[in-house]
Amino acid sequence: MKFSESLKKNKDFQNVYKAGKSMADRYLVMYVRENGFERNRLGISVSKKVGNSVVRHRMTRLVRESYRLSEEHFRRGYDIVVIVRTGAKEKGYREIESALIHLGKLHKIYNHKIGD
């Protein structure tokens, strides 16, 4: 992730949950909040309801890789928290990537043009 870093602290997650806007689709929920930096910070949350640790880690990797490969299309200066829903457990890379991009467009932080 060239333009981003990870959200790690619980306090940061809570700030995004409280002050951010959320949108959801079948597989993911995305909370977005402006952070005042020149980079995005990405946080990923996968509940135990989704599956065991192997499944949860796989979903985390899929979301992180989907974001990494389309990162240049996301506007910068946001904290983004992605929550994986139980319906995503059986899904592959393409479905997760599609859901992530769809939610980015709904939040108006995803552009097709490079450099915006």
C-alpha atoms as a PDB file:
ATOM      1  CA  MET A   1       0.000   0.000   0.000  1.00  0.00           C
ATOM      2  CA  LYS A   2       1.935   2.982  -1.323  1.00  0.00           C
ATOM      3  CA  PHE A   3      -0.459   5.756  -0.353  1.00  0.00           C
ATOM      4  CA  SER A   4      -1.948   4.215   2.763  1.00  0.00           C
ATOM      5  CA  GLU A   5      -1.243   2.780   6.150  1.00  0.00           C
ATOM      6  CA  SER A   6      -3.232   0.603   8.525  1.00  0.00           C
ATOM      7  CA  LEU A   7      -5.583   1.664  11.282  1.00  0.00           C
ATOM      8  CA  LYS A   8      -4.467  -0.252  14.342  1.00  0.00           C
ATOM      9  CA  LYS A   9      -5.724   1.416  17.503  1.00  0.00           C
ATOM     10  CA  ASN A  10      -9.185   0.733  18.871  1.00  0.00           C
ATOM     11  CA  LYS A  11      -9.604   4.469  19.489  1.00  0.00           C
ATOM     12  CA  ASP A  12      -9.112   5.172  15.767  1.00  0.00           C
ATOM     13  CA  PHE A  13     -11.684   2.522  14.818  1.00  0.00           C
ATOM     14  CA  GLN A  14     -14.165   3.981  17.329  1.00  0.00           C
ATOM     15  CA  ASN A  15     -13.680   7.504  15.936  1.00  0.00           C
ATOM     16  CA  VAL A  16     -14.480   6.276  12.431  1.00  0.00           C
ATOM     17  CA  TYR A  17     -17.543   4.356  13.674  1.00  0.00           C
ATOM     18  CA  LYS A  18     -18.877   7.389  15.561  1.00  0.00           C
ATOM     19  CA  ALA A  19     -18.083  10.245  13.177  1.00  0.00           C
ATOM     20  CA  GLY A  20     -17.900   8.441   9.835  1.00  0.00           C
ATOM     21  CA  LYS A  21     -20.572   7.620   7.299  1.00  0.00           C
ATOM     22  CA  SER A  22     -21.397   3.996   6.545  1.00  0.00           C
ATOM     23  CA  MET A  23     -22.673   2.196   3.487  1.00  0.00           C
ATOM     24  CA  ALA A  24     -23.111  -1.514   2.967  1.00  0.00           C
ATOM     25  CA  ASP A  25     -23.706  -4.178   0.369  1.00  0.00           C
ATOM     26  CA  ARG A  26     -24.112  -7.943   0.610  1.00  0.00           C
ATOM     27  CA  TYR A  27     -20.500  -8.685   1.499  1.00  0.00           C
ATOM     28  CA  LEU A  28     -18.952  -5.594   3.092  1.00  0.00           C
ATOM     29  CA  VAL A  29     -19.761  -2.553   5.224  1.00  0.00           C
ATOM     30  CA  MET A  30     -17.576   0.522   4.707  1.00  0.00           C
ATOM     31  CA  TYR A  31     -17.196   3.423   7.140  1.00  0.00           C
ATOM     32  CA  VAL A  32     -15.430   6.526   5.824  1.00  0.00           C
ATOM     33  CA  ARG A  33     -14.241   9.630   7.670  1.00  0.00           C
ATOM     34  CA  GLU A  34     -11.884  12.427   6.629  1.00  0.00           C
ATOM     35  CA  ASN A  35      -8.600  12.265   8.522  1.00  0.00           C
ATOM     36  CA  GLY A  36      -6.777  15.478   7.541  1.00  0.00           C
ATOM     37  CA  PHE A  37      -3.687  13.646   6.253  1.00  0.00           C
ATOM     38  CA  GLU A  38      -2.403  13.241   2.692  1.00  0.00           C
ATOM     39  CA  ARG A  39      -2.905   9.476   2.873  1.00  0.00           C
ATOM     40  CA  ASN A  40      -5.623   6.996   3.625  1.00  0.00           C
ATOM     41  CA  ARG A  41      -5.666   4.717   6.628  1.00  0.00           C
ATOM     42  CA  LEU A  42      -7.357   1.349   6.138  1.00  0.00           C
ATOM     43  CA  GLY A  43      -8.815  -0.779   8.927  1.00  0.00           C
ATOM     44  CA  ILE A  44     -10.335  -4.208   8.387  1.00  0.00           C
ATOM     45  CA  SER A  45     -12.665  -5.934  10.827  1.00  0.00           C
ATOM     46  CA  VAL A  46     -13.778  -9.558  10.561  1.00  0.00           C
ATOM     47  CA  SER A  47     -16.072 -10.957  13.252  1.00  0.00           C
ATOM     48  CA  LYS A  48     -15.823 -14.473  14.669  1.00  0.00           C
ATOM     49  CA  LYS A  49     -19.289 -15.036  13.184  1.00  0.00           C
ATOM     50  CA  VAL A  50     -17.649 -15.091   9.741  1.00  0.00           C
ATOM     51  CA  GLY A  51     -15.631 -18.211  10.535  1.00  0.00           C
ATOM     52  CA  ASN A  52     -12.589 -19.614  12.230  1.00  0.00           C
ATOM     53  CA  SER A  53      -9.223 -17.846  12.264  1.00  0.00           C
ATOM     54  CA  VAL A  54      -8.185 -19.292   8.891  1.00  0.00           C
ATOM     55  CA  VAL A  55     -11.329 -17.945   7.208  1.00  0.00           C
ATOM     56  CA  ARG A  56     -11.096 -14.574   8.964  1.00  0.00           C
ATOM     57  CA  HIS A  57      -7.448 -14.151   7.990  1.00  0.00           C
ATOM     58  CA  ARG A  58      -8.236 -15.110   4.378  1.00  0.00           C
ATOM     59  CA  MET A  59     -10.972 -12.475   4.224  1.00  0.00           C
ATOM     60  CA  THR A  60      -8.611  -9.867   5.672  1.00  0.00           C
ATOM     61  CA  ARG A  61      -6.018 -10.690   3.010  1.00  0.00           C
ATOM     62  CA  LEU A  62      -8.628 -10.502   0.235  1.00  0.00           C
ATOM     63  CA  VAL A  63      -9.869  -7.075   1.339  1.00  0.00           C
ATOM     64  CA  ARG A  64      -6.328  -5.724   1.816  1.00  0.00           C
ATOM     65  CA  GLU A  65      -5.186  -6.998  -1.591  1.00  0.00           C
ATOM     66  CA  SER A  66      -8.328  -5.670  -3.316  1.00  0.00           C
ATOM     67  CA  TYR A  67      -7.675  -2.256  -1.807  1.00  0.00           C
ATOM     68  CA  ARG A  68      -3.951  -2.357  -2.570  1.00  0.00           C
ATOM     69  CA  LEU A  69      -4.495  -3.061  -6.263  1.00  0.00           C
ATOM     70  CA  SER A  70      -7.125  -0.339  -6.704  1.00  0.00           C
ATOM     71  CA  GLU A  71      -5.600   2.101  -4.211  1.00  0.00           C
ATOM     72  CA  GLU A  72      -4.549   4.684  -6.803  1.00  0.00           C
ATOM     73  CA  HIS A  73      -8.226   5.214  -7.686  1.00  0.00           C
ATOM     74  CA  PHE A  74      -9.242   6.092  -4.108  1.00  0.00           C
ATOM     75  CA  ARG A  75      -9.165   9.754  -3.088  1.00  0.00           C
ATOM     76  CA  ARG A  76      -6.653  10.451  -0.330  1.00  0.00           C
ATOM     77  CA  GLY A  77      -7.231  11.881   3.128  1.00  0.00           C
ATOM     78  CA  TYR A  78      -9.688   9.362   4.575  1.00  0.00           C
ATOM     79  CA  ASP A  79      -9.888   6.779   7.324  1.00  0.00           C
ATOM     80  CA  ILE A  80     -11.630   3.739   5.867  1.00  0.00           C
ATOM     81  CA  VAL A  81     -12.908   0.840   7.969  1.00  0.00           C
ATOM     82  CA  VAL A  82     -14.137  -2.226   6.092  1.00  0.00           C
ATOM     83  CA  ILE A  83     -16.244  -4.772   7.957  1.00  0.00           C
ATOM     84  CA  VAL A  84     -16.610  -8.180   6.363  1.00  0.00           C
ATOM     85  CA  ARG A  85     -20.118  -9.657   6.555  1.00  0.00           C
ATOM     86  CA  THR A  86     -20.860 -13.362   6.978  1.00  0.00           C
ATOM     87  CA  GLY A  87     -22.111 -13.633   3.372  1.00  0.00           C
ATOM     88  CA  ALA A  88     -18.596 -12.955   2.095  1.00  0.00           C
ATOM     89  CA  LYS A  89     -17.131 -16.098   3.656  1.00  0.00           C
ATOM     90  CA  GLU A  90     -17.503 -18.254   0.526  1.00  0.00           C
ATOM     91  CA  LYS A  91     -16.638 -15.500  -1.961  1.00  0.00           C
ATOM     92  CA  GLY A  92     -13.461 -15.057  -3.940  1.00  0.00           C
ATOM     93  CA  TYR A  93     -11.251 -12.159  -4.883  1.00  0.00           C
ATOM     94  CA  ARG A  94     -13.420 -10.818  -7.732  1.00  0.00           C
ATOM     95  CA  GLU A  95     -16.575 -10.507  -5.613  1.00  0.00           C
ATOM     96  CA  ILE A  96     -14.713  -8.824  -2.746  1.00  0.00           C
ATOM     97  CA  GLU A  97     -12.942  -6.417  -5.104  1.00  0.00           C
ATOM     98  CA  SER A  98     -16.226  -5.566  -6.794  1.00  0.00           C
ATOM     99  CA  ALA A  99     -17.927  -4.914  -3.442  1.00  0.00           C
ATOM    100  CA  LEU A 100     -15.040  -2.703  -2.263  1.00  0.00           C
ATOM    101  CA  ILE A 101     -15.085  -0.610  -5.451  1.00  0.00           C
ATOM    102  CA  HIS A 102     -18.896  -0.361  -5.362  1.00  0.00           C
ATOM    103  CA  LEU A 103     -18.824   0.978  -1.798  1.00  0.00           C
ATOM    104  CA  GLY A 104     -16.012   3.395  -2.699  1.00  0.00           C
ATOM    105  CA  LYS A 105     -18.193   4.791  -5.497  1.00  0.00           C
ATOM    106  CA  LEU A 106     -21.182   5.117  -3.152  1.00  0.00           C
ATOM    107  CA  HIS A 107     -19.031   7.122  -0.724  1.00  0.00           C
ATOM    108  CA  LYS A 108     -17.720   9.179  -3.686  1.00  0.00           C
ATOM    109  CA  ILE A 109     -14.101   8.417  -2.794  1.00  0.00           C
ATOM    110  CA  TYR A 110     -13.411   6.151  -5.790  1.00  0.00           C
ATOM    111  CA  ASN A 111     -12.438   7.638  -9.165  1.00  0.00           C
ATOM    112  CA  HIS A 112     -11.642   5.826 -12.369  1.00  0.00           C
ATOM    113  CA  LYS A 113      -8.979   8.346 -13.342  1.00  0.00           C
ATOM    114  CA  ILE A 114      -5.456   7.876 -12.024  1.00  0.00           C
ATOM    115  CA  GLY A 115      -4.036  10.809 -10.093  1.00  0.00           C
ATOM    116  CA  ASP A 116      -7.302  12.298  -8.754  1.00  0.00           C
END
